[in-house]
PDB file of N, CA and C in Angstrom:
ATOM      1  N   MET A   1       1.058  -0.948  -0.143  1.00  0.00           N
ATOM      2  CA  MET A   1      -0.053   0.139   0.120  1.00  0.00           C
ATOM      3  C   MET A   1       0.870   1.075   0.096  1.00  0.00           C
ATOM      4  N   ASN A   2       0.402   1.868  -1.046  1.00  0.00           N
ATOM      5  CA  ASN A   2       1.389   3.176  -1.103  1.00  0.00           C
ATOM      6  C   ASN A   2       0.795   4.291  -0.096  1.00  0.00           C
ATOM      7  N   HIS A   3       1.864   4.644   1.032  1.00  0.00           N
ATOM      8  CA  HIS A   3       1.359   5.716   1.957  1.00  0.00           C
ATOM      9  C   HIS A   3       1.946   6.731   1.691  1.00  0.00           C
ATOM     10  N   THR A   4       1.614   8.284   2.098  1.00  0.00           N
ATOM     11  CA  THR A   4       1.732   9.675   1.726  1.00  0.00           C
ATOM     12  C   THR A   4       2.864   9.645   2.996  1.00  0.00           C
ATOM     13  N   ARG A   5       3.297  10.977   2.928  1.00  0.00           N
ATOM     14  CA  ARG A   5       3.859  11.426   3.996  1.00  0.00           C
ATOM     15  C   ARG A   5       2.863  12.198   5.150  1.00  0.00           C
ATOM     16  N   THR A   6       1.617  12.402   4.536  1.00  0.00           N
ATOM     17  CA  THR A   6       0.844  12.843   5.629  1.00  0.00           C
ATOM     18  C   THR A   6       0.359  11.636   6.311  1.00  0.00           C
ATOM     19  N   ALA A   7      -0.076  10.743   5.295  1.00  0.00           N
ATOM     20  CA  ALA A   7      -0.745   9.726   5.954  1.00  0.00           C
ATOM     21  C   ALA A   7      -0.057   9.096   7.083  1.00  0.00           C
ATOM     22  N   ALA A   8       1.418   9.121   6.925  1.00  0.00           N
ATOM     23  CA  ALA A   8       2.277   8.058   7.824  1.00  0.00           C
ATOM     24  C   ALA A   8       2.629   8.793   9.067  1.00  0.00           C
ATOM     25  N   LEU A   9       2.552  10.027   8.693  1.00  0.00           N
ATOM     26  CA  LEU A   9       2.651  10.819  10.176  1.00  0.00           C
ATOM     27  C   LEU A   9       1.496  10.959  11.199  1.00  0.00           C
ATOM     28  N   VAL A  10       0.202  10.966  10.517  1.00  0.00           N
ATOM     29  CA  VAL A  10      -0.762  10.805  11.018  1.00  0.00           C
ATOM     30  C   VAL A  10      -1.048   9.369  11.847  1.00  0.00           C
ATOM     31  N   LEU A  11      -0.813   8.149  11.248  1.00  0.00           N
ATOM     32  CA  LEU A  11      -0.699   6.728  11.784  1.00  0.00           C
ATOM     33  C   LEU A  11       0.452   6.824  12.608  1.00  0.00           C
ATOM     34  N   ALA A  12       1.542   7.198  12.255  1.00  0.00           N
ATOM     35  CA  ALA A  12       2.356   7.292  13.563  1.00  0.00           C
ATOM     36  C   ALA A  12       2.097   7.900  14.958  1.00  0.00           C
ATOM     37  N   ALA A  13       1.447   9.274  14.710  1.00  0.00           N
ATOM     38  CA  ALA A  13       0.867  10.057  15.819  1.00  0.00           C
ATOM     39  C   ALA A  13      -0.233   9.229  16.675  1.00  0.00           C
ATOM     40  N   MET A  14      -1.686   8.315  15.668  1.00  0.00           N
ATOM     41  CA  MET A  14      -2.332   7.610  16.141  1.00  0.00           C
ATOM     42  C   MET A  14      -1.948   6.302  16.999  1.00  0.00           C
ATOM     43  N   GLY A  15      -0.492   6.014  16.555  1.00  0.00           N
ATOM     44  CA  GLY A  15      -0.474   4.656  16.970  1.00  0.00           C
ATOM     45  C   GLY A  15       0.178   4.919  18.345  1.00  0.00           C
ATOM     46  N   LEU A  16       1.082   6.195  18.374  1.00  0.00           N
ATOM     47  CA  LEU A  16       1.586   6.534  19.619  1.00  0.00           C
ATOM     48  C   LEU A  16       0.466   6.892  20.500  1.00  0.00           C
ATOM     49  N   LEU A  17      -0.936   7.612  20.644  1.00  0.00           N
ATOM     50  CA  LEU A  17      -2.172   7.772  21.360  1.00  0.00           C
ATOM     51  C   LEU A  17      -2.745   6.408  21.586  1.00  0.00           C
ATOM     52  N   LEU A  18      -2.840   5.689  20.851  1.00  0.00           N
ATOM     53  CA  LEU A  18      -3.346   4.543  20.878  1.00  0.00           C
ATOM     54  C   LEU A  18      -2.677   3.080  21.831  1.00  0.00           C
ATOM     55  N   THR A  19      -1.670   3.425  21.936  1.00  0.00           N
ATOM     56  CA  THR A  19      -0.777   2.442  22.628  1.00  0.00           C
ATOM     57  C   THR A  19      -1.266   2.222  23.844  1.00  0.00           C
ATOM     58  N   GLY A  20      -1.554   3.052  24.766  1.00  0.00           N
ATOM     59  CA  GLY A  20      -2.549   2.735  26.117  1.00  0.00           C
ATOM     60  C   GLY A  20      -3.685   2.396  26.031  1.00  0.00           C
ATOM     61  N   CYS A  21      -4.461   2.332  24.681  1.00  0.00           N
ATOM     62  CA  CYS A  21      -5.691   1.763  24.961  1.00  0.00           C
ATOM     63  C   CYS A  21      -6.222   0.549  23.608  1.00  0.00           C
ATOM     64  N   SER A  22      -4.901  -0.175  23.154  1.00  0.00           N
ATOM     65  CA  SER A  22      -4.916  -1.126  22.145  1.00  0.00           C
ATOM     66  C   SER A  22      -5.115  -2.589  22.734  1.00  0.00           C
ATOM     67  N   SER A  23      -5.750  -3.553  21.899  1.00  0.00           N
ATOM     68  CA  SER A  23      -5.565  -4.706  22.465  1.00  0.00           C
ATOM     69  C   SER A  23      -4.243  -4.991  22.704  1.00  0.00           C
ATOM     70  N   PRO A  24      -3.990  -6.169  23.806  1.00  0.00           N
ATOM     71  CA  PRO A  24      -2.681  -6.470  24.153  1.00  0.00           C
ATOM     72  C   PRO A  24      -2.185  -7.645  23.187  1.00  0.00           C
ATOM     73  N   THR A  25      -3.532  -7.754  22.366  1.00  0.00           N
ATOM     74  CA  THR A  25      -2.730  -9.098  21.328  1.00  0.00           C
ATOM     75  C   THR A  25      -2.180  -7.933  19.693  1.00  0.00           C
ATOM     76  N   PRO A  26      -1.449  -8.579  18.998  1.00  0.00           N
ATOM     77  CA  PRO A  26      -1.278  -7.652  17.680  1.00  0.00           C
ATOM     78  C   PRO A  26      -2.228  -7.770  16.663  1.00  0.00           C
ATOM     79  N   ALA A  27      -2.149  -6.860  16.028  1.00  0.00           N
ATOM     80  CA  ALA A  27      -3.453  -6.683  15.031  1.00  0.00           C
ATOM     81  C   ALA A  27      -3.391  -7.988  14.020  1.00  0.00           C
ATOM     82  N   LYS A  28      -4.080  -8.043  13.638  1.00  0.00           N
ATOM     83  CA  LYS A  28      -4.331  -9.391  12.345  1.00  0.00           C
ATOM     84  C   LYS A  28      -3.938  -9.030  11.055  1.00  0.00           C
ATOM     85  N   PRO A  29      -3.055  -9.680  10.441  1.00  0.00           N
ATOM     86  CA  PRO A  29      -2.767  -9.763   9.052  1.00  0.00           C
ATOM     87  C   PRO A  29      -3.711  -8.896   8.302  1.00  0.00           C
ATOM     88  N   THR A  30      -5.161  -9.242   8.683  1.00  0.00           N
ATOM     89  CA  THR A  30      -6.178  -9.054   7.436  1.00  0.00           C
ATOM     90  C   THR A  30      -6.538  -7.242   8.132  1.00  0.00           C
ATOM     91  N   ASP A  31      -5.967  -7.104   9.036  1.00  0.00           N
ATOM     92  CA  ASP A  31      -6.640  -5.186   9.499  1.00  0.00           C
ATOM     93  C   ASP A  31      -5.519  -4.653   8.448  1.00  0.00           C
ATOM     94  N   ALA A  32      -6.744  -3.792   7.506  1.00  0.00           N
ATOM     95  CA  ALA A  32      -6.129  -3.010   6.738  1.00  0.00           C
ATOM     96  C   ALA A  32      -5.314  -1.642   7.211  1.00  0.00           C
ATOM     97  N   LYS A  33      -5.521  -1.304   8.439  1.00  0.00           N
ATOM     98  CA  LYS A  33      -4.572  -0.103   9.144  1.00  0.00           C
ATOM     99  C   LYS A  33      -4.050  -1.046  10.079  1.00  0.00           C
ATOM    100  N   PRO A  34      -2.742  -1.645   9.842  1.00  0.00           N
ATOM    101  CA  PRO A  34      -2.308  -2.368  11.312  1.00  0.00           C
ATOM    102  C   PRO A  34      -1.917  -1.430  12.113  1.00  0.00           C
ATOM    103  N   GLY A  35      -1.418  -1.187  13.255  1.00  0.00           N
ATOM    104  CA  GLY A  35      -1.351  -0.246  14.336  1.00  0.00           C
ATOM    105  C   GLY A  35      -2.491   0.733  14.965  1.00  0.00           C
ATOM    106  N   LEU A  36      -3.600   0.589  14.258  1.00  0.00           N
ATOM    107  CA  LEU A  36      -4.526   1.254  14.827  1.00  0.00           C
ATOM    108  C   LEU A  36      -5.250   0.454  15.842  1.00  0.00           C
ATOM    109  N   GLY A  37      -4.653  -0.922  16.214  1.00  0.00           N
ATOM    110  CA  GLY A  37      -5.492  -1.608  17.294  1.00  0.00           C
ATOM    111  C   GLY A  37      -6.409  -2.036  16.851  1.00  0.00           C
ATOM    112  N   THR A  38      -7.507  -2.349  18.217  1.00  0.00           N
ATOM    113  CA  THR A  38      -8.698  -2.746  17.346  1.00  0.00           C
ATOM    114  C   THR A  38      -9.576  -1.278  17.287  1.00  0.00           C
ATOM    115  N   LEU A  39      -9.198  -0.622  16.974  1.00  0.00           N
ATOM    116  CA  LEU A  39     -10.114   1.212  16.310  1.00  0.00           C
ATOM    117  C   LEU A  39     -10.887   0.408  15.344  1.00  0.00           C
ATOM    118  N   CYS A  40      -9.959   0.423  14.296  1.00  0.00           N
ATOM    119  CA  CYS A  40     -10.439   0.167  12.693  1.00  0.00           C
ATOM    120  C   CYS A  40     -11.425  -1.367  12.864  1.00  0.00           C
ATOM    121  N   SER A  41     -10.370  -2.136  13.606  1.00  0.00           N
ATOM    122  CA  SER A  41     -10.850  -3.678  12.951  1.00  0.00           C
ATOM    123  C   SER A  41     -12.074  -4.107  13.707  1.00  0.00           C
ATOM    124  N   GLY A  42     -12.630  -3.251  14.984  1.00  0.00           N
ATOM    125  CA  GLY A  42     -13.983  -3.552  15.910  1.00  0.00           C
ATOM    126  C   GLY A  42     -14.886  -2.673  14.899  1.00  0.00           C
ATOM    127  N   MET A  43     -14.767  -1.929  13.839  1.00  0.00           N
ATOM    128  CA  MET A  43     -15.982  -1.361  13.413  1.00  0.00           C
ATOM    129  C   MET A  43     -16.586  -2.589  12.628  1.00  0.00           C
ATOM    130  N   ALA A  44     -18.077  -2.236  12.571  1.00  0.00           N
ATOM    131  CA  ALA A  44     -18.413  -2.845  11.377  1.00  0.00           C
ATOM    132  C   ALA A  44     -18.658  -2.513  10.010  1.00  0.00           C
ATOM    133  N   TRP A  45     -18.337  -3.558   8.854  1.00  0.00           N
ATOM    134  CA  TRP A  45     -18.177  -2.770   7.678  1.00  0.00           C
ATOM    135  C   TRP A  45     -18.998  -3.839   7.061  1.00  0.00           C
ATOM    136  N   PRO A  46     -19.845  -3.417   5.881  1.00  0.00           N
ATOM    137  CA  PRO A  46     -19.273  -1.998   5.349  1.00  0.00           C
ATOM    138  C   PRO A  46     -20.018  -0.840   6.354  1.00  0.00           C
ATOM    139  N   ARG A  47     -19.583  -0.091   5.963  1.00  0.00           N
ATOM    140  CA  ARG A  47     -19.664   1.251   6.512  1.00  0.00           C
ATOM    141  C   ARG A  47     -19.958   2.725   5.962  1.00  0.00           C
ATOM    142  N   PRO A  48     -20.809   3.626   6.222  1.00  0.00           N
ATOM    143  CA  PRO A  48     -21.068   4.484   4.940  1.00  0.00           C
ATOM    144  C   PRO A  48     -19.962   5.625   5.202  1.00  0.00           C
ATOM    145  N   VAL A  49     -19.294   5.971   3.675  1.00  0.00           N
ATOM    146  CA  VAL A  49     -18.380   7.024   3.267  1.00  0.00           C
ATOM    147  C   VAL A  49     -18.781   8.068   4.165  1.00  0.00           C
ATOM    148  N   PRO A  50     -18.202   9.105   5.202  1.00  0.00           N
ATOM    149  CA  PRO A  50     -18.722  10.186   5.881  1.00  0.00           C
ATOM    150  C   PRO A  50     -19.198  11.363   5.401  1.00  0.00           C
ATOM    151  N   ASP A  51     -20.210  11.654   6.029  1.00  0.00           N
ATOM    152  CA  ASP A  51     -20.963  12.789   5.163  1.00  0.00           C
ATOM    153  C   ASP A  51     -20.031  14.015   5.693  1.00  0.00           C
ATOM    154  N   GLY A  52     -19.592  15.439   5.591  1.00  0.00           N
ATOM    155  CA  GLY A  52     -19.382  16.408   6.197  1.00  0.00           C
ATOM    156  C   GLY A  52     -17.836  16.717   5.640  1.00  0.00           C
ATOM    157  N   LEU A  53     -17.304  15.681   4.905  1.00  0.00           N
ATOM    158  CA  LEU A  53     -16.296  16.094   4.071  1.00  0.00           C
ATOM    159  C   LEU A  53     -15.487  17.092   3.274  1.00  0.00           C
ATOM    160  N   ASN A  54     -16.670  17.626   2.700  1.00  0.00           N
ATOM    161  CA  ASN A  54     -16.439  18.916   1.712  1.00  0.00           C
ATOM    162  C   ASN A  54     -16.193  19.952   2.710  1.00  0.00           C
ATOM    163  N   GLY A  55     -15.331  20.765   2.135  1.00  0.00           N
ATOM    164  CA  GLY A  55     -14.812  22.177   3.330  1.00  0.00           C
ATOM    165  C   GLY A  55     -13.503  21.896   4.223  1.00  0.00           C
ATOM    166  N   LYS A  56     -13.665  20.438   4.340  1.00  0.00           N
ATOM    167  CA  LYS A  56     -12.789  20.085   5.504  1.00  0.00           C
ATOM    168  C   LYS A  56     -11.269  20.018   4.721  1.00  0.00           C
ATOM    169  N   PRO A  57     -10.035  20.684   5.490  1.00  0.00           N
ATOM    170  CA  PRO A  57      -8.770  20.349   4.567  1.00  0.00           C
ATOM    171  C   PRO A  57      -8.568  19.066   4.868  1.00  0.00           C
ATOM    172  N   LEU A  58      -7.891  18.552   3.886  1.00  0.00           N
ATOM    173  CA  LEU A  58      -7.484  17.342   3.720  1.00  0.00           C
ATOM    174  C   LEU A  58      -6.611  16.392   4.476  1.00  0.00           C
ATOM    175  N   THR A  59      -6.066  17.048   5.209  1.00  0.00           N
ATOM    176  CA  THR A  59      -5.067  16.447   6.633  1.00  0.00           C
ATOM    177  C   THR A  59      -6.563  16.171   8.072  1.00  0.00           C
ATOM    178  N   GLN A  60      -7.306  16.960   7.850  1.00  0.00           N
ATOM    179  CA  GLN A  60      -8.481  16.832   8.595  1.00  0.00           C
ATOM    180  C   GLN A  60      -9.080  15.718   8.514  1.00  0.00           C
ATOM    181  N   ALA A  61      -9.227  15.711   7.357  1.00  0.00           N
ATOM    182  CA  ALA A  61      -9.931  14.505   6.505  1.00  0.00           C
ATOM    183  C   ALA A  61      -9.555  13.419   6.876  1.00  0.00           C
ATOM    184  N   ALA A  62      -8.214  13.295   6.543  1.00  0.00           N
ATOM    185  CA  ALA A  62      -7.289  11.531   6.530  1.00  0.00           C
ATOM    186  C   ALA A  62      -7.136  11.454   8.108  1.00  0.00           C
ATOM    187  N   ALA A  63      -6.952  12.392   8.658  1.00  0.00           N
ATOM    188  CA  ALA A  63      -6.614  12.122  10.264  1.00  0.00           C
ATOM    189  C   ALA A  63      -8.444  11.613  10.910  1.00  0.00           C
ATOM    190  N   GLY A  64      -8.812  12.483  10.567  1.00  0.00           N
ATOM    191  CA  GLY A  64     -10.211  12.301  11.540  1.00  0.00           C
ATOM    192  C   GLY A  64     -11.142  11.251  10.555  1.00  0.00           C
ATOM    193  N   PRO A  65     -12.437  11.725  10.221  1.00  0.00           N
ATOM    194  CA  PRO A  65     -13.450  10.596   9.613  1.00  0.00           C
ATOM    195  C   PRO A  65     -13.110   9.606   8.706  1.00  0.00           C
ATOM    196  N   LEU A  66     -12.008   9.916   7.780  1.00  0.00           N
ATOM    197  CA  LEU A  66     -11.595   9.305   6.644  1.00  0.00           C
ATOM    198  C   LEU A  66     -10.212   7.975   7.308  1.00  0.00           C
ATOM    199  N   LEU A  67      -9.804   8.562   8.885  1.00  0.00           N
ATOM    200  CA  LEU A  67      -9.168   7.371   9.225  1.00  0.00           C
ATOM    201  C   LEU A  67      -9.302   5.872   9.295  1.00  0.00           C
ATOM    202  N   CYS A  68     -10.277   5.206   9.312  1.00  0.00           N
ATOM    203  CA  CYS A  68     -10.258   4.145   9.304  1.00  0.00           C
ATOM    204  C   CYS A  68     -10.283   3.364   7.651  1.00  0.00           C
ATOM    205  N   PHE A  69     -10.668   4.487   6.846  1.00  0.00           N
ATOM    206  CA  PHE A  69     -10.970   4.016   5.373  1.00  0.00           C
ATOM    207  C   PHE A  69      -9.897   4.074   4.674  1.00  0.00           C
ATOM    208  N   THR A  70      -9.573   3.565   3.531  1.00  0.00           N
ATOM    209  CA  THR A  70      -8.602   3.539   2.441  1.00  0.00           C
ATOM    210  C   THR A  70      -8.415   4.606   1.332  1.00  0.00           C
ATOM    211  N   VAL A  71      -8.202   5.687   1.905  1.00  0.00           N
ATOM    212  CA  VAL A  71      -8.058   7.058   0.869  1.00  0.00           C
ATOM    213  C   VAL A  71      -7.032   6.595   0.077  1.00  0.00           C
ATOM    214  N   ALA A  72      -7.382   6.154  -1.599  1.00  0.00           N
ATOM    215  CA  ALA A  72      -6.298   5.904  -2.408  1.00  0.00           C
ATOM    216  C   ALA A  72      -5.596   7.300  -3.029  1.00  0.00           C
ATOM    217  N   LYS A  73      -6.523   8.143  -3.095  1.00  0.00           N
ATOM    218  CA  LYS A  73      -5.588   9.497  -3.762  1.00  0.00           C
ATOM    219  C   LYS A  73      -6.741  10.612  -3.521  1.00  0.00           C
ATOM    220  N   ALA A  74      -6.072  11.745  -3.960  1.00  0.00           N
ATOM    221  CA  ALA A  74      -6.694  12.892  -3.495  1.00  0.00           C
ATOM    222  C   ALA A  74      -6.727  13.785  -4.843  1.00  0.00           C
ATOM    223  N   VAL A  75      -7.557  13.823  -6.116  1.00  0.00           N
ATOM    224  CA  VAL A  75      -7.505  14.324  -7.259  1.00  0.00           C
ATOM    225  C   VAL A  75      -7.239  16.024  -7.003  1.00  0.00           C
ATOM    226  N   ALA A  76      -6.326  16.652  -7.526  1.00  0.00           N
ATOM    227  CA  ALA A  76      -6.190  17.954  -7.598  1.00  0.00           C
ATOM    228  C   ALA A  76      -6.682  18.651  -8.912  1.00  0.00           C
ATOM    229  N   PRO A  77      -7.025  20.086  -9.166  1.00  0.00           N
ATOM    230  CA  PRO A  77      -7.413  20.425 -10.420  1.00  0.00           C
ATOM    231  C   PRO A  77      -6.396  20.054 -11.524  1.00  0.00           C
ATOM    232  N   ASP A  78      -5.666  20.209 -11.172  1.00  0.00           N
ATOM    233  CA  ASP A  78      -4.988  19.685 -12.420  1.00  0.00           C
ATOM    234  C   ASP A  78      -4.178  18.447 -12.717  1.00  0.00           C
ATOM    235  N   GLY A  79      -5.175  17.487 -11.974  1.00  0.00           N
ATOM    236  CA  GLY A  79      -5.173  15.683 -11.445  1.00  0.00           C
ATOM    237  C   GLY A  79      -4.132  15.238 -11.402  1.00  0.00           C
ATOM    238  N   HIS A  80      -2.858  15.927 -10.390  1.00  0.00           N
ATOM    239  CA  HIS A  80      -1.994  15.081  -9.612  1.00  0.00           C
ATOM    240  C   HIS A  80      -2.437  15.039  -8.430  1.00  0.00           C
ATOM    241  N   ASP A  81      -1.928  13.925  -7.893  1.00  0.00           N
ATOM    242  CA  ASP A  81      -2.122  13.285  -6.666  1.00  0.00           C
ATOM    243  C   ASP A  81      -1.563  14.101  -5.508  1.00  0.00           C
ATOM    244  N   ALA A  82      -2.908  14.969  -4.797  1.00  0.00           N
ATOM    245  CA  ALA A  82      -1.819  16.085  -3.760  1.00  0.00           C
ATOM    246  C   ALA A  82      -1.900  15.001  -2.286  1.00  0.00           C
ATOM    247  N   MET A  83      -1.991  13.769  -2.281  1.00  0.00           N
ATOM    248  CA  MET A  83      -1.803  13.369  -1.107  1.00  0.00           C
ATOM    249  C   MET A  83      -0.472  13.102  -1.241  1.00  0.00           C
ATOM    250  N   GLN A  84       0.272  13.575  -2.462  1.00  0.00           N
ATOM    251  CA  GLN A  84       1.895  13.354  -2.405  1.00  0.00           C
ATOM    252  C   GLN A  84       2.765  14.781  -2.071  1.00  0.00           C
ATOM    253  N   ASP A  85       1.564  15.866  -1.956  1.00  0.00           N
ATOM    254  CA  ASP A  85       2.316  16.999  -1.868  1.00  0.00           C
ATOM    255  C   ASP A  85       2.940  17.003   0.024  1.00  0.00           C
ATOM    256  N   ASP A  86       3.587  18.190   0.233  1.00  0.00           N
ATOM    257  CA  ASP A  86       4.038  18.806   1.473  1.00  0.00           C
ATOM    258  C   ASP A  86       3.022  19.244   1.931  1.00  0.00           C
ATOM    259  N   THR A  87       2.468  18.950   2.880  1.00  0.00           N
ATOM    260  CA  THR A  87       1.306  19.822   3.646  1.00  0.00           C
ATOM    261  C   THR A  87       1.929  21.174   4.242  1.00  0.00           C
ATOM    262  N   ALA A  88       3.300  21.054   4.181  1.00  0.00           N
ATOM    263  CA  ALA A  88       3.300  22.949   4.667  1.00  0.00           C
ATOM    264  C   ALA A  88       3.546  23.662   3.686  1.00  0.00           C
ATOM    265  N   THR A  89       2.893  23.483   2.230  1.00  0.00           N
ATOM    266  CA  THR A  89       2.921  23.832   0.799  1.00  0.00           C
ATOM    267  C   THR A  89       1.733  24.248   0.652  1.00  0.00           C
ATOM    268  N   THR A  90       0.656  23.381   0.447  1.00  0.00           N
ATOM    269  CA  THR A  90      -0.543  23.505   0.498  1.00  0.00           C
ATOM    270  C   THR A  90      -1.388  22.943   0.986  1.00  0.00           C
ATOM    271  N   ASN A  91      -2.594  23.184   2.235  1.00  0.00           N
ATOM    272  CA  ASN A  91      -3.450  22.678   2.550  1.00  0.00           C
ATOM    273  C   ASN A  91      -4.782  22.170   2.038  1.00  0.00           C
ATOM    274  N   TRP A  92      -4.739  21.308   1.071  1.00  0.00           N
ATOM    275  CA  TRP A  92      -5.749  20.794   0.048  1.00  0.00           C
ATOM    276  C   TRP A  92      -7.312  20.823   0.970  1.00  0.00           C
ATOM    277  N   ILE A  93      -8.239  21.527   0.093  1.00  0.00           N
ATOM    278  CA  ILE A  93      -9.724  21.255   0.806  1.00  0.00           C
ATOM    279  C   ILE A  93     -10.235  20.332  -0.022  1.00  0.00           C
ATOM    280  N   VAL A  94     -11.352  19.322   0.922  1.00  0.00           N
ATOM    281  CA  VAL A  94     -11.685  18.571  -0.080  1.00  0.00           C
ATOM    282  C   VAL A  94     -13.358  19.074  -0.428  1.00  0.00           C
ATOM    283  N   THR A  95     -13.435  18.939  -1.984  1.00  0.00           N
ATOM    284  CA  THR A  95     -14.651  18.923  -2.474  1.00  0.00           C
ATOM    285  C   THR A  95     -15.142  18.044  -2.782  1.00  0.00           C
ATOM    286  N   GLY A  96     -15.199  16.714  -2.492  1.00  0.00           N
ATOM    287  CA  GLY A  96     -16.008  15.476  -3.170  1.00  0.00           C
ATOM    288  C   GLY A  96     -15.419  14.408  -2.803  1.00  0.00           C
ATOM    289  N   SER A  97     -15.929  13.537  -2.654  1.00  0.00           N
ATOM    290  CA  SER A  97     -15.810  11.899  -2.887  1.00  0.00           C
ATOM    291  C   SER A  97     -15.880  11.059  -3.944  1.00  0.00           C
ATOM    292  N   SER A  98     -15.551   9.822  -4.118  1.00  0.00           N
ATOM    293  CA  SER A  98     -15.876   8.947  -4.932  1.00  0.00           C
ATOM    294  C   SER A  98     -15.472   7.228  -4.225  1.00  0.00           C
ATOM    295  N   PRO A  99     -16.321   6.688  -3.765  1.00  0.00           N
ATOM    296  CA  PRO A  99     -17.814   6.406  -3.834  1.00  0.00           C
ATOM    297  C   PRO A  99     -18.399   7.970  -3.083  1.00  0.00           C
ATOM    298  N   ASP A 100     -19.727   8.421  -3.393  1.00  0.00           N
ATOM    299  CA  ASP A 100     -20.177   9.193  -2.819  1.00  0.00           C
ATOM    300  C   ASP A 100     -20.234   9.525  -1.019  1.00  0.00           C
ATOM    301  N   ALA A 101     -20.429  10.450  -0.198  1.00  0.00           N
ATOM    302  CA  ALA A 101     -20.927  10.355   1.492  1.00  0.00           C
ATOM    303  C   ALA A 101     -22.265   9.579   1.487  1.00  0.00           C
ATOM    304  N   GLY A 102     -21.945   8.637   2.241  1.00  0.00           N
ATOM    305  CA  GLY A 102     -23.322   7.975   2.570  1.00  0.00           C
ATOM    306  C   GLY A 102     -23.405   6.658   2.115  1.00  0.00           C
ATOM    307  N   THR A 103     -22.690   6.325   0.677  1.00  0.00           N
ATOM    308  CA  THR A 103     -22.252   4.884   0.262  1.00  0.00           C
ATOM    309  C   THR A 103     -21.706   3.815   1.173  1.00  0.00           C
ATOM    310  N   ALA A 104     -22.357   2.721   1.278  1.00  0.00           N
ATOM    311  CA  ALA A 104     -21.357   1.881   2.081  1.00  0.00           C
ATOM    312  C   ALA A 104     -20.157   1.130   1.398  1.00  0.00           C
ATOM    313  N   ILE A 105     -19.278   1.086   1.889  1.00  0.00           N
ATOM    314  CA  ILE A 105     -18.007   0.370   1.620  1.00  0.00           C
ATOM    315  C   ILE A 105     -17.330  -0.439   2.653  1.00  0.00           C
ATOM    316  N   ASN A 106     -16.481  -1.397   1.691  1.00  0.00           N
ATOM    317  CA  ASN A 106     -15.858  -2.218   2.787  1.00  0.00           C
ATOM    318  C   ASN A 106     -14.412  -1.616   3.025  1.00  0.00           C
ATOM    319  N   GLN A 107     -14.197  -1.531   4.391  1.00  0.00           N
ATOM    320  CA  GLN A 107     -12.719  -0.846   4.848  1.00  0.00           C
ATOM    321  C   GLN A 107     -11.791  -1.022   3.446  1.00  0.00           C
ATOM    322  N   ASP A 108     -11.582  -1.375   2.792  1.00  0.00           N
ATOM    323  CA  ASP A 108     -10.184  -1.816   2.000  1.00  0.00           C
ATOM    324  C   ASP A 108     -10.732  -1.052   0.646  1.00  0.00           C
ATOM    325  N   GLN A 109     -11.996  -0.958   0.388  1.00  0.00           N
ATOM    326  CA  GLN A 109     -12.308  -0.246  -1.052  1.00  0.00           C
ATOM    327  C   GLN A 109     -12.127   1.006  -0.884  1.00  0.00           C
ATOM    328  N   PRO A 110     -11.150   1.727  -1.985  1.00  0.00           N
ATOM    329  CA  PRO A 110     -10.525   2.856  -2.084  1.00  0.00           C
ATOM    330  C   PRO A 110     -11.630   3.733  -2.515  1.00  0.00           C
ATOM    331  N   ILE A 111     -11.330   4.713  -1.428  1.00  0.00           N
ATOM    332  CA  ILE A 111     -11.828   6.178  -1.826  1.00  0.00           C
ATOM    333  C   ILE A 111     -10.711   7.493  -2.502  1.00  0.00           C
ATOM    334  N   THR A 112     -11.348   8.116  -3.768  1.00  0.00           N
ATOM    335  CA  THR A 112     -11.024   8.889  -4.419  1.00  0.00           C
ATOM    336  C   THR A 112     -11.198  10.561  -3.706  1.00  0.00           C
ATOM    337  N   LEU A 113     -10.574  11.340  -3.500  1.00  0.00           N
ATOM    338  CA  LEU A 113     -11.271  12.448  -3.106  1.00  0.00           C
ATOM    339  C   LEU A 113     -10.639  13.184  -4.273  1.00  0.00           C
ATOM    340  N   THR A 114     -11.557  14.438  -4.425  1.00  0.00           N
ATOM    341  CA  THR A 114     -11.355  15.673  -5.309  1.00  0.00           C
ATOM    342  C   THR A 114     -11.285  16.674  -4.078  1.00  0.00           C
ATOM    343  N   VAL A 115      -9.915  17.501  -4.337  1.00  0.00           N
ATOM    344  CA  VAL A 115      -9.753  18.847  -3.638  1.00  0.00           C
ATOM    345  C   VAL A 115      -9.516  19.622  -4.813  1.00  0.00           C
ATOM    346  N   THR A 116      -9.248  20.977  -3.824  1.00  0.00           N
ATOM    347  CA  THR A 116      -8.947  22.446  -4.555  1.00  0.00           C
ATOM    348  C   THR A 116      -8.015  22.832  -3.089  1.00  0.00           C
ATOM    349  N   LYS A 117      -7.373  24.206  -3.744  1.00  0.00           N
ATOM    350  CA  LYS A 117      -6.587  24.896  -2.730  1.00  0.00           C
ATOM    351  C   LYS A 117      -7.504  25.674  -2.264  1.00  0.00           C
ATOM    352  N   PRO A 118      -6.776  26.216  -0.978  1.00  0.00           N
ATOM    353  CA  PRO A 118      -7.315  27.014   0.093  1.00  0.00           C
ATOM    354  C   PRO A 118      -7.951  28.242  -0.787  1.00  0.00           C
ATOM    355  N   ASN A 119      -9.171  28.645  -0.561  1.00  0.00           N
ATOM    356  CA  ASN A 119      -9.676  30.294  -1.034  1.00  0.00           C
ATOM    357  C   ASN A 119      -9.542  30.315  -2.570  1.00  0.00           C
ATOM    358  N   GLY A 120      -9.909  28.900  -3.229  1.00  0.00           N
ATOM    359  CA  GLY A 120      -9.868  29.207  -4.774  1.00  0.00           C
ATOM    360  C   GLY A 120      -9.066  27.589  -5.419  1.00  0.00           C
TER     361      GLY A 120
END
């Protein structure tokens, strides 16, 4: 799985936060997000793509409502994958998702986000 710099930092931070509350048994190899303990694997799947992503900064969406989902890429207006960008340069804003919000999907089903630059 291709991890971006942002996703890797988010997962590392979440791993540190969840160390005290994760299960004493190691994550199963089938967990889509190993290191998050039972947070994601304990959820009922399929589950709906979260509402309220539009207007959120990409980093907040990835670290919050989409944490247990598989975000495959975030397509910028010029077509490049914004998840490969340095977040200090541009904090992209989510404008849509595919599948659409509310669509029930499995944890390993990829989500593609569309993003735009802040203020335009």
